[in-house]
Protein backbone atom coordinates (compact mmCIF):
# COMPACT_ATOMS: atom_id res chain seq x y z
CA MET A 1 -6.21 -52.85 7.13
CA ASP A 2 -7.90 -49.62 6.26
CA LEU A 3 -6.73 -46.07 5.66
CA GLU A 4 -7.43 -45.01 9.27
CA HIS A 5 -4.97 -47.60 10.52
CA TYR A 6 -2.19 -46.25 8.28
CA ILE A 7 -2.97 -42.66 9.26
CA ASP A 8 -2.79 -43.66 12.92
CA ILE A 9 0.60 -45.31 12.39
CA ALA A 10 1.86 -42.28 10.44
CA ALA A 11 0.67 -39.91 13.19
CA LYS A 12 2.45 -41.98 15.84
CA ILE A 13 5.65 -42.04 13.77
CA ILE A 14 5.49 -38.26 13.33
CA GLU A 15 4.93 -37.84 17.09
CA ALA A 16 7.99 -40.01 17.74
CA ILE A 17 10.01 -37.90 15.31
CA GLY A 18 8.94 -34.71 17.08
CA ILE A 19 9.86 -36.10 20.49
CA THR A 20 13.18 -37.40 19.17
CA ILE A 21 14.03 -34.01 17.68
CA ILE A 22 13.36 -32.31 21.02
CA LEU A 23 15.35 -34.91 22.96
CA VAL A 24 18.37 -35.06 20.64
CA GLY A 25 18.34 -31.29 20.14
CA ALA A 26 18.23 -30.62 23.88
CA ILE A 27 21.12 -33.00 24.51
CA THR A 28 23.11 -31.39 21.68
CA ALA A 29 22.38 -27.86 22.93
CA LEU A 30 23.40 -28.79 26.48
CA PHE A 31 26.58 -30.43 25.19
CA LYS A 32 27.46 -27.30 23.18
CA TYR A 33 26.71 -25.18 26.24
CA GLY A 34 29.03 -27.29 28.37
CA ILE A 35 31.86 -26.92 25.89
CA ALA A 36 31.29 -23.16 25.56
CA ALA A 37 31.11 -22.73 29.34
CA ILE A 38 34.35 -24.66 29.84
CA LYS A 39 36.02 -22.44 27.23
CA GLY A 40 34.71 -19.40 29.13
CA LYS A 41 32.61 -17.91 26.34
CA GLU A 42 30.63 -14.89 27.52
CA ASP A 43 27.28 -15.42 25.81
CA CYS A 44 26.99 -19.21 26.09
CA TYR A 45 23.83 -18.97 28.24
CA PHE A 46 22.00 -16.95 25.59
CA GLU A 47 23.21 -19.35 22.93
CA LEU A 48 21.86 -22.27 24.98
CA ARG A 49 18.46 -20.59 25.31
CA ARG A 50 18.36 -19.82 21.59
CA ASN A 51 19.35 -23.38 20.60
CA LEU A 52 16.90 -24.98 23.02
CA GLY A 53 14.13 -22.67 21.86
CA LYS A 54 14.69 -23.50 18.21
CA VAL A 55 14.71 -27.23 18.88
CA ILE A 56 11.57 -27.07 21.01
CA LEU A 57 9.83 -24.96 18.36
CA LEU A 58 10.64 -27.46 15.64
CA GLY A 59 9.55 -30.39 17.79
CA LEU A 60 6.28 -28.67 18.75
CA GLU A 61 5.46 -27.90 15.13
CA ILE A 62 5.96 -31.54 14.22
CA LEU A 63 3.82 -32.64 17.18
CA ILE A 64 1.07 -30.27 16.03
CA ALA A 65 1.22 -31.88 12.58
CA ALA A 66 0.76 -35.28 14.22
CA ASP A 67 -2.21 -33.93 16.19
CA ILE A 68 -3.80 -32.67 12.99
CA MET A 69 -3.34 -36.09 11.40
CA ALA A 70 -4.94 -37.67 14.46
CA THR A 71 -8.07 -35.56 13.95
CA VAL A 72 -8.72 -37.41 10.70
CA ILE A 73 -9.20 -40.72 12.49
CA THR A 74 -10.77 -39.44 15.72
CA GLU A 75 -14.44 -40.07 16.25
CA PRO A 76 -16.08 -36.65 16.13
CA ASP A 77 -17.58 -36.60 19.62
CA LEU A 78 -17.43 -33.37 21.60
CA GLU A 79 -15.03 -34.61 24.29
CA SER A 80 -12.34 -35.86 21.90
CA VAL A 81 -12.55 -32.72 19.77
CA LEU A 82 -12.24 -30.47 22.84
CA ILE A 83 -9.29 -32.42 24.22
CA LEU A 84 -7.47 -32.42 20.90
CA GLY A 85 -8.25 -28.74 20.37
CA LEU A 86 -6.93 -27.89 23.82
CA ILE A 87 -3.70 -29.78 23.17
CA VAL A 88 -3.19 -27.97 19.86
CA VAL A 89 -3.95 -24.56 21.44
CA ILE A 90 -1.48 -25.20 24.27
CA ARG A 91 1.23 -26.25 21.81
CA ILE A 92 0.58 -23.20 19.62
CA ILE A 93 0.79 -20.86 22.63
CA LEU A 94 4.03 -22.53 23.71
CA SER A 95 5.45 -22.19 20.19
CA LEU A 96 4.47 -18.53 20.02
CA SER A 97 5.92 -17.69 23.42
CA ILE A 98 9.18 -19.50 22.66
CA GLN A 99 9.48 -17.75 19.31
CA VAL A 100 8.92 -14.36 20.97
CA GLU A 101 11.54 -15.26 23.56
CA ILE A 102 14.09 -16.25 20.91
CA GLU A 103 13.51 -13.45 18.39
CA GLY A 104 12.37 -10.67 20.71
CA LYS A 105 9.32 -9.95 18.56
CA PHE A 106 6.02 -11.42 17.52
CA PRO A 107 6.12 -13.39 14.25
CA TRP A 108 3.85 -10.87 12.53
CA ASN A 109 6.13 -7.91 13.40
CA LYS A 110 8.65 -7.18 10.66
CA LYS A 111 11.12 -5.28 12.79
CA SER A 112 12.82 -7.06 15.64
CA ASN A 113 13.73 -5.46 18.91
CA ASP A 114 17.43 -5.25 18.01
CA ALA A 115 18.14 -2.49 20.51
CA LEU A 116 16.88 -4.68 23.35
CA HIS A 117 18.98 -7.65 22.20
CA LYS A 118 22.09 -5.47 21.95
CA ALA A 119 21.47 -4.00 25.41
CA VAL A 120 20.98 -7.43 26.98
CA LYS A 121 24.09 -8.77 25.26
CA LYS A 122 26.09 -5.70 26.35
CA GLU A 123 24.99 -6.22 29.98
CA SER A 124 25.92 -9.91 29.87
CA VAL A 125 29.43 -9.03 28.71
CA ARG A 126 30.03 -6.81 31.75
């Protein structure tokens, strides 16, 4: 067995961890949402979105790490590089859009859009 074989196994394990995090996190977030909805909490929907977003972000970042590991063992032909690059770009765009949705700002902006969050929360209370 050579190093490429171990890297392939490690990449597959990391992919499985990323998928497991998303799956378990989504189930947990939905369970918490169900409990909060039964108790009649006002902002449980926003809490669900925030929890799901965080879990998906974490899972996507781990999946991107697995993709990067997979590039080490991939034969460097144009088709495989383009496919892998496209997958990574799609996952990065998804991560960025989810993070903007959760935080209300781009990661490189220091100030968040607190006024917008407060206005949305105020409207949901009504």
